[in-house]
Amino acid sequence: MIRQEKISLIALIVSVAGLAMLFWAAENLEAKEIKIDEIDKASIGQYVKIDAQIVSYYNNGNTAFMQLYDGTGKLKAVSFQQGEQKAAIGKNSFASFEGKIELYKNELELVVEKVNKWN
């Protein structure tokens, strides 16, 4: 009987720990809305959402390189996704960009994972 109680207790502890990890993951995977002037080196690795205009745009066929402006500052952005996203955006487009802040060649940039163009 004691063995069954220990197994039940261990199962309960593991279940509670699993739920806690799920809640933590859900909180940390949701994009944090942020302004460009709030981004600094402490932002590296954060998944963020930025509402901005594309003020410069270049696509080499595989990768899109952009300069975003949100009224508070400018930020380089890069997107490795193509297809529908490629057709939806271009210079002077306004959109919501979601992705991770990364450091590349000692400069902060947004690695875009999702774009929602404004109409």
C-alpha atoms as a PDB file:
ATOM      1  CA  MET A   1       0.000   0.000   0.000  1.00  0.00           C
ATOM      2  CA  ILE A   2       2.802   2.428   0.821  1.00  0.00           C
ATOM      3  CA  ARG A   3       4.313   1.853  -2.604  1.00  0.00           C
ATOM      4  CA  GLN A   4       1.026   2.821  -4.317  1.00  0.00           C
ATOM      5  CA  GLU A   5       0.845   6.015  -2.232  1.00  0.00           C
ATOM      6  CA  LYS A   6       4.404   6.962  -3.216  1.00  0.00           C
ATOM      7  CA  ILE A   7       3.650   6.390  -6.892  1.00  0.00           C
ATOM      8  CA  SER A   8       0.517   8.532  -6.628  1.00  0.00           C
ATOM      9  CA  LEU A   9       2.450  11.301  -4.881  1.00  0.00           C
ATOM     10  CA  ILE A  10       5.216  11.241  -7.501  1.00  0.00           C
ATOM     11  CA  ALA A  11       2.610  11.336 -10.300  1.00  0.00           C
ATOM     12  CA  LEU A  12       0.922  14.325  -8.661  1.00  0.00           C
ATOM     13  CA  ILE A  13       4.212  16.214  -8.260  1.00  0.00           C
ATOM     14  CA  VAL A  14       5.221  15.539 -11.865  1.00  0.00           C
ATOM     15  CA  SER A  15       1.783  16.661 -13.108  1.00  0.00           C
ATOM     16  CA  VAL A  16       1.925  19.917 -11.146  1.00  0.00           C
ATOM     17  CA  ALA A  17       5.480  20.576 -12.371  1.00  0.00           C
ATOM     18  CA  GLY A  18       4.374  19.914 -15.964  1.00  0.00           C
ATOM     19  CA  LEU A  19       1.469  22.346 -15.655  1.00  0.00           C
ATOM     20  CA  ALA A  20       3.756  24.989 -14.187  1.00  0.00           C
ATOM     21  CA  MET A  21       6.132  24.581 -17.134  1.00  0.00           C
ATOM     22  CA  LEU A  22       3.238  24.901 -19.605  1.00  0.00           C
ATOM     23  CA  PHE A  23       2.053  28.130 -17.984  1.00  0.00           C
ATOM     24  CA  TRP A  24       5.605  29.498 -18.033  1.00  0.00           C
ATOM     25  CA  ALA A  25       6.058  28.566 -21.706  1.00  0.00           C
ATOM     26  CA  ALA A  26       2.730  30.127 -22.712  1.00  0.00           C
ATOM     27  CA  GLU A  27       3.659  33.373 -20.960  1.00  0.00           C
ATOM     28  CA  ASN A  28       7.126  33.557 -22.483  1.00  0.00           C
ATOM     29  CA  LEU A  29       6.153  32.578 -26.034  1.00  0.00           C
ATOM     30  CA  GLU A  30       3.577  35.336 -26.418  1.00  0.00           C
ATOM     31  CA  ALA A  31       4.992  38.300 -28.283  1.00  0.00           C
ATOM     32  CA  LYS A  32       5.630  41.331 -26.091  1.00  0.00           C
ATOM     33  CA  GLU A  33       4.479  44.572 -27.746  1.00  0.00           C
ATOM     34  CA  ILE A  34       7.395  46.967 -27.715  1.00  0.00           C
ATOM     35  CA  LYS A  35       8.543  50.261 -29.243  1.00  0.00           C
ATOM     36  CA  ILE A  36      11.858  50.372 -31.076  1.00  0.00           C
ATOM     37  CA  ASP A  37      13.353  52.931 -28.672  1.00  0.00           C
ATOM     38  CA  GLU A  38      12.774  50.445 -25.814  1.00  0.00           C
ATOM     39  CA  ILE A  39      14.989  47.802 -27.431  1.00  0.00           C
ATOM     40  CA  ASP A  40      18.468  47.359 -25.973  1.00  0.00           C
ATOM     41  CA  LYS A  41      20.928  44.534 -25.366  1.00  0.00           C
ATOM     42  CA  ALA A  42      18.736  43.262 -22.522  1.00  0.00           C
ATOM     43  CA  SER A  43      16.102  42.562 -25.197  1.00  0.00           C
ATOM     44  CA  ILE A  44      18.269  39.981 -26.984  1.00  0.00           C
ATOM     45  CA  GLY A  45      16.423  36.670 -27.220  1.00  0.00           C
ATOM     46  CA  GLN A  46      13.008  38.182 -26.462  1.00  0.00           C
ATOM     47  CA  TYR A  47      10.052  37.409 -28.729  1.00  0.00           C
ATOM     48  CA  VAL A  48       8.481  40.779 -29.525  1.00  0.00           C
ATOM     49  CA  LYS A  49       5.823  42.476 -31.630  1.00  0.00           C
ATOM     50  CA  ILE A  50       6.577  45.814 -33.309  1.00  0.00           C
ATOM     51  CA  ASP A  51       4.078  47.911 -35.277  1.00  0.00           C
ATOM     52  CA  ALA A  52       6.126  49.764 -37.880  1.00  0.00           C
ATOM     53  CA  GLN A  53       6.601  51.041 -41.402  1.00  0.00           C
ATOM     54  CA  ILE A  54       9.187  49.524 -43.738  1.00  0.00           C
ATOM     55  CA  VAL A  55      11.367  52.465 -44.772  1.00  0.00           C
ATOM     56  CA  SER A  56      13.837  50.389 -46.794  1.00  0.00           C
ATOM     57  CA  TYR A  57      13.440  46.929 -48.276  1.00  0.00           C
ATOM     58  CA  TYR A  58      15.683  44.555 -50.203  1.00  0.00           C
ATOM     59  CA  ASN A  59      14.970  40.942 -51.135  1.00  0.00           C
ATOM     60  CA  ASN A  60      17.693  38.748 -52.613  1.00  0.00           C
ATOM     61  CA  GLY A  61      15.274  35.931 -53.428  1.00  0.00           C
ATOM     62  CA  ASN A  62      15.842  33.988 -50.211  1.00  0.00           C
ATOM     63  CA  THR A  63      16.008  36.666 -47.553  1.00  0.00           C
ATOM     64  CA  ALA A  64      14.289  40.011 -47.037  1.00  0.00           C
ATOM     65  CA  PHE A  65      16.263  42.813 -45.393  1.00  0.00           C
ATOM     66  CA  MET A  66      14.290  45.737 -43.979  1.00  0.00           C
ATOM     67  CA  GLN A  67      14.661  48.918 -42.005  1.00  0.00           C
ATOM     68  CA  LEU A  68      11.652  49.432 -39.718  1.00  0.00           C
ATOM     69  CA  TYR A  69      10.471  52.745 -38.302  1.00  0.00           C
ATOM     70  CA  ASP A  70       7.782  53.087 -35.620  1.00  0.00           C
ATOM     71  CA  GLY A  71       7.967  56.799 -34.793  1.00  0.00           C
ATOM     72  CA  THR A  72      10.406  56.212 -31.926  1.00  0.00           C
ATOM     73  CA  GLY A  73      13.377  54.862 -33.847  1.00  0.00           C
ATOM     74  CA  LYS A  74      14.682  52.573 -36.578  1.00  0.00           C
ATOM     75  CA  LEU A  75      15.582  48.886 -36.403  1.00  0.00           C
ATOM     76  CA  LYS A  76      17.072  46.461 -38.905  1.00  0.00           C
ATOM     77  CA  ALA A  77      14.945  43.415 -39.593  1.00  0.00           C
ATOM     78  CA  VAL A  78      15.557  40.236 -41.554  1.00  0.00           C
ATOM     79  CA  SER A  79      13.074  37.631 -42.743  1.00  0.00           C
ATOM     80  CA  PHE A  80      14.029  34.217 -44.035  1.00  0.00           C
ATOM     81  CA  GLN A  81      10.406  33.332 -44.850  1.00  0.00           C
ATOM     82  CA  GLN A  82       9.119  33.663 -48.354  1.00  0.00           C
ATOM     83  CA  GLY A  83       5.928  32.953 -50.301  1.00  0.00           C
ATOM     84  CA  GLU A  84       2.830  34.786 -49.116  1.00  0.00           C
ATOM     85  CA  GLN A  85       4.815  36.981 -46.734  1.00  0.00           C
ATOM     86  CA  LYS A  86       7.137  38.056 -49.573  1.00  0.00           C
ATOM     87  CA  ALA A  87       4.205  39.240 -51.687  1.00  0.00           C
ATOM     88  CA  ALA A  88       2.511  41.028 -48.780  1.00  0.00           C
ATOM     89  CA  ILE A  89       5.254  43.471 -47.803  1.00  0.00           C
ATOM     90  CA  GLY A  90       7.514  46.007 -49.440  1.00  0.00           C
ATOM     91  CA  LYS A  91       8.919  49.491 -48.982  1.00  0.00           C
ATOM     92  CA  ASN A  92       6.468  51.882 -47.265  1.00  0.00           C
ATOM     93  CA  SER A  93       4.237  49.017 -46.080  1.00  0.00           C
ATOM     94  CA  PHE A  94       2.824  49.268 -42.572  1.00  0.00           C
ATOM     95  CA  ALA A  95       2.647  46.020 -40.610  1.00  0.00           C
ATOM     96  CA  SER A  96       2.965  44.247 -37.298  1.00  0.00           C
ATOM     97  CA  PHE A  97       6.204  42.275 -37.100  1.00  0.00           C
ATOM     98  CA  GLU A  98       6.753  39.436 -34.641  1.00  0.00           C
ATOM     99  CA  GLY A  99      10.102  37.824 -34.033  1.00  0.00           C
ATOM    100  CA  LYS A 100      13.189  37.577 -31.881  1.00  0.00           C
ATOM    101  CA  ILE A 101      15.621  40.353 -31.096  1.00  0.00           C
ATOM    102  CA  GLU A 102      19.126  39.186 -32.005  1.00  0.00           C
ATOM    103  CA  LEU A 103      22.616  40.653 -32.094  1.00  0.00           C
ATOM    104  CA  TYR A 104      24.286  40.402 -35.513  1.00  0.00           C
ATOM    105  CA  LYS A 105      27.635  42.046 -36.282  1.00  0.00           C
ATOM    106  CA  ASN A 106      27.314  43.959 -33.009  1.00  0.00           C
ATOM    107  CA  GLU A 107      23.946  45.486 -34.056  1.00  0.00           C
ATOM    108  CA  LEU A 108      20.495  44.685 -32.754  1.00  0.00           C
ATOM    109  CA  GLU A 109      18.013  43.365 -35.294  1.00  0.00           C
ATOM    110  CA  LEU A 110      14.634  41.676 -35.463  1.00  0.00           C
ATOM    111  CA  VAL A 111      14.558  38.190 -36.953  1.00  0.00           C
ATOM    112  CA  VAL A 112      11.019  38.230 -38.309  1.00  0.00           C
ATOM    113  CA  GLU A 113       8.867  35.138 -37.898  1.00  0.00           C
ATOM    114  CA  LYS A 114       5.425  36.605 -38.610  1.00  0.00           C
ATOM    115  CA  VAL A 115       4.099  39.642 -40.491  1.00  0.00           C
ATOM    116  CA  ASN A 116       0.551  41.017 -40.445  1.00  0.00           C
ATOM    117  CA  LYS A 117       0.217  43.749 -43.052  1.00  0.00           C
ATOM    118  CA  TRP A 118      -2.172  46.587 -42.243  1.00  0.00           C
ATOM    119  CA  ASN A 119      -4.877  47.399 -44.770  1.00  0.00           C
END
